[in-house]
Amino acid sequence: MRALITTANLIVGNSGATTLAGSSIGLSSDEDRKRFKQLRDESDLIIIGGNTARREPYKRTPIPLYILTHTKVRLQPKNQLAKQFSLPPAQLFKEISENFPPTDSSSAIKVLVEAGPVLLQYLIDQGLIDHLHLTTNLLKDGENRISVNKLVANFKLVGQEIIEENKFERYTKI
């Protein structure tokens, strides 16, 4: 059994919107995408939920993609690195810890959670997220608003910077 280091990444609009025209892509910027890619480069696998798999472009990923969903329909059939699971989240994390192919058996597995706000909040409430990267687009807004204060309530702010229209915040679990 290997340790997991779980990092979540989320972008929101200036009032907590998680989508613009039905997707988070509309809220993103070049700098946000650059940081998003860097997080992926530092991770061993990505976890998303079924709604994210249906709404966002995950046809190709540079690392394995684990989809946590209740549906039986294969959500990313073209992504050869995608696996679909219908498990409680804590059980999926245990499965990863016990069975994820080792890149280095002594190192922790770096999990990047790119789930939407409902699954992300559930994972946070269950204590399964160690680090949170939150980007706020200060100029754009959209729909599907969340309470950012509730999202970060169990975290400590460890870094913040504003670049152009984005505020980038890094949190660690308290």
Protein backbone atom coordinates (compact mmCIF):
# COMPACT_ATOMS: atom_id res chain seq x y z
CA MET A 1 0.00 0.00 0.00
CA ARG A 2 1.47 3.35 -1.08
CA ALA A 3 0.66 6.79 0.24
CA LEU A 4 -1.37 9.20 -1.84
CA ILE A 5 -0.78 12.91 -2.20
CA THR A 6 -4.00 14.40 -3.53
CA THR A 7 -4.12 17.79 -5.18
CA ALA A 8 -7.29 19.34 -6.55
CA ASN A 9 -7.49 22.04 -9.18
CA LEU A 10 -10.54 24.24 -9.81
CA ILE A 11 -11.26 27.46 -11.66
CA VAL A 12 -14.15 29.76 -10.75
CA GLY A 13 -15.51 33.04 -12.03
CA ASN A 14 -15.52 36.24 -9.99
CA SER A 15 -18.64 35.25 -8.00
CA GLY A 16 -17.89 31.53 -7.69
CA ALA A 17 -19.26 30.34 -11.06
CA THR A 18 -17.73 27.00 -12.08
CA THR A 19 -18.81 27.08 -15.74
CA LEU A 20 -19.35 29.55 -18.55
CA ALA A 21 -21.62 28.31 -21.32
CA GLY A 22 -21.63 24.86 -19.71
CA SER A 23 -17.86 24.33 -19.44
CA SER A 24 -14.97 25.51 -17.27
CA ILE A 25 -12.94 26.23 -20.43
CA GLY A 26 -14.70 29.58 -20.87
CA LEU A 27 -13.31 30.77 -17.51
CA SER A 28 -9.73 29.73 -18.26
CA SER A 29 -6.85 31.87 -19.56
CA ASP A 30 -3.42 31.13 -21.03
CA GLU A 31 -1.75 31.47 -17.61
CA ASP A 32 -4.36 29.18 -16.01
CA ARG A 33 -3.84 26.55 -18.74
CA LYS A 34 -0.06 26.78 -18.24
CA ARG A 35 -0.43 26.08 -14.51
CA PHE A 36 -2.99 23.35 -15.20
CA LYS A 37 -0.48 21.62 -17.50
CA GLN A 38 2.25 21.95 -14.88
CA LEU A 39 0.05 20.25 -12.27
CA ARG A 40 -0.60 17.40 -14.71
CA ASP A 41 3.13 17.08 -15.46
CA GLU A 42 3.78 16.64 -11.72
CA SER A 43 1.02 14.02 -11.24
CA ASP A 44 0.73 10.27 -11.74
CA LEU A 45 -3.00 10.12 -12.50
CA ILE A 46 -6.12 12.26 -12.85
CA ILE A 47 -9.49 11.67 -11.19
CA ILE A 48 -12.68 13.21 -12.55
CA GLY A 49 -16.37 12.57 -12.01
CA GLY A 50 -18.97 11.49 -14.54
CA ASN A 51 -20.34 15.00 -15.14
CA THR A 52 -16.85 16.32 -15.87
CA ALA A 53 -16.26 13.40 -18.25
CA ARG A 54 -19.45 14.30 -20.14
CA ARG A 55 -18.84 18.07 -20.32
CA GLU A 56 -15.09 18.55 -20.67
CA PRO A 57 -12.60 17.38 -23.34
CA TYR A 58 -10.86 14.30 -21.92
CA LYS A 59 -10.38 12.32 -25.14
CA ARG A 60 -6.63 12.36 -24.53
CA THR A 61 -4.68 12.73 -21.33
CA PRO A 62 -0.92 12.52 -20.74
CA ILE A 63 -1.40 10.28 -17.70
CA PRO A 64 -4.03 7.71 -16.62
CA LEU A 65 -7.56 9.08 -16.19
CA TYR A 66 -9.83 7.56 -13.54
CA ILE A 67 -13.52 8.40 -13.90
CA LEU A 68 -15.65 8.05 -10.78
CA THR A 69 -19.25 7.60 -11.91
CA HIS A 70 -22.49 5.68 -11.40
CA THR A 71 -23.16 5.14 -15.11
CA LYS A 72 -22.43 1.90 -16.97
CA VAL A 73 -21.89 3.70 -20.31
CA ARG A 74 -18.18 4.17 -21.09
CA LEU A 75 -17.70 7.93 -20.88
CA GLN A 76 -14.33 8.33 -22.60
CA PRO A 77 -14.13 5.44 -25.06
CA LYS A 78 -11.41 7.08 -27.19
CA ASN A 79 -9.06 7.71 -24.26
CA GLN A 80 -6.90 4.59 -23.98
CA LEU A 81 -5.67 5.71 -20.55
CA ALA A 82 -9.18 6.05 -19.08
CA LYS A 83 -10.64 3.64 -16.54
CA GLN A 84 -14.12 3.93 -15.14
CA PHE A 85 -15.04 3.10 -11.53
CA SER A 86 -18.35 2.87 -9.72
CA LEU A 87 -17.06 2.91 -6.14
CA PRO A 88 -17.38 5.16 -3.12
CA PRO A 89 -14.55 7.73 -3.37
CA ALA A 90 -12.68 6.45 -0.29
CA GLN A 91 -12.70 2.96 -1.79
CA LEU A 92 -11.34 4.28 -5.11
CA PHE A 93 -8.51 6.01 -3.24
CA LYS A 94 -7.76 2.73 -1.42
CA GLU A 95 -7.79 0.89 -4.79
CA ILE A 96 -5.29 3.40 -6.19
CA SER A 97 -3.07 3.10 -3.13
CA GLU A 98 -3.00 -0.69 -3.36
CA ASN A 99 -2.97 -1.30 -7.12
CA PHE A 100 -1.72 1.69 -9.10
CA PRO A 101 1.31 0.57 -11.16
CA PRO A 102 4.44 1.85 -9.48
CA THR A 103 6.73 4.30 -11.21
CA ASP A 104 8.95 4.22 -8.12
CA SER A 105 7.78 1.86 -5.40
CA SER A 106 9.08 4.02 -2.59
CA SER A 107 7.33 7.20 -3.66
CA ALA A 108 3.81 8.39 -2.96
CA ILE A 109 1.26 8.38 -5.77
CA LYS A 110 0.49 11.93 -6.89
CA VAL A 111 -3.23 12.18 -7.66
CA LEU A 112 -4.67 15.23 -9.43
CA VAL A 113 -8.39 15.73 -8.90
CA GLU A 114 -10.00 17.71 -11.73
CA ALA A 115 -13.54 16.97 -10.62
CA GLY A 116 -16.41 19.40 -10.69
CA PRO A 117 -17.56 21.26 -7.58
CA VAL A 118 -20.03 18.67 -6.24
CA LEU A 119 -17.60 15.75 -6.25
CA LEU A 120 -14.73 18.01 -5.18
CA GLN A 121 -16.66 19.31 -2.16
CA TYR A 122 -17.58 15.74 -1.22
CA LEU A 123 -13.91 14.67 -1.40
CA ILE A 124 -12.91 17.68 0.71
CA ASP A 125 -15.62 16.90 3.27
CA GLN A 126 -14.30 13.32 3.48
CA GLY A 127 -10.77 14.62 4.13
CA LEU A 128 -9.42 13.10 0.89
CA ILE A 129 -7.84 16.26 -0.59
CA ASP A 130 -4.42 17.38 0.70
CA HIS A 131 -3.83 20.44 -1.49
CA LEU A 132 -6.13 22.76 -3.43
CA HIS A 133 -5.18 25.03 -6.32
CA LEU A 134 -7.94 27.57 -6.90
CA THR A 135 -7.93 29.99 -9.81
CA THR A 136 -10.41 32.86 -9.78
CA ASN A 137 -11.04 34.68 -13.06
CA LEU A 138 -11.58 38.23 -11.80
CA LEU A 139 -13.20 39.45 -15.04
CA LYS A 140 -15.47 36.60 -16.11
CA ASP A 141 -18.42 34.92 -14.52
CA GLY A 142 -20.95 32.30 -15.51
CA GLU A 143 -23.28 29.76 -14.00
CA ASN A 144 -23.21 26.95 -11.42
CA ARG A 145 -22.01 29.11 -8.55
CA ILE A 146 -20.48 27.62 -5.43
CA SER A 147 -19.47 29.01 -2.07
CA VAL A 148 -15.71 29.43 -2.30
CA ASN A 149 -15.62 30.04 1.47
CA LYS A 150 -17.18 26.63 2.10
CA LEU A 151 -14.81 25.00 -0.41
CA VAL A 152 -11.69 26.32 1.36
CA ALA A 153 -13.00 26.12 4.95
CA ASN A 154 -10.79 23.12 5.84
CA PHE A 155 -7.68 24.57 4.21
CA LYS A 156 -4.98 27.10 5.00
CA LEU A 157 -3.93 29.59 2.33
CA VAL A 158 -0.21 29.07 1.61
CA GLY A 159 0.26 31.14 -1.55
CA GLN A 160 -1.49 33.74 -3.65
CA GLU A 161 -0.67 35.83 -6.69
CA ILE A 162 -2.59 37.90 -9.20
CA ILE A 163 -1.55 37.77 -12.84
CA GLU A 164 -3.63 39.79 -15.27
CA GLU A 165 -7.29 38.72 -14.81
CA ASN A 166 -6.51 35.71 -12.59
CA LYS A 167 -6.01 35.22 -8.87
CA PHE A 168 -4.10 32.01 -8.18
CA GLU A 169 -4.38 30.58 -4.67
CA ARG A 170 -2.76 27.51 -3.15
CA TYR A 171 -4.16 25.86 -0.06
CA THR A 172 -3.10 22.96 2.12
CA LYS A 173 -5.34 20.86 4.37
CA ILE A 174 -5.49 21.98 7.99
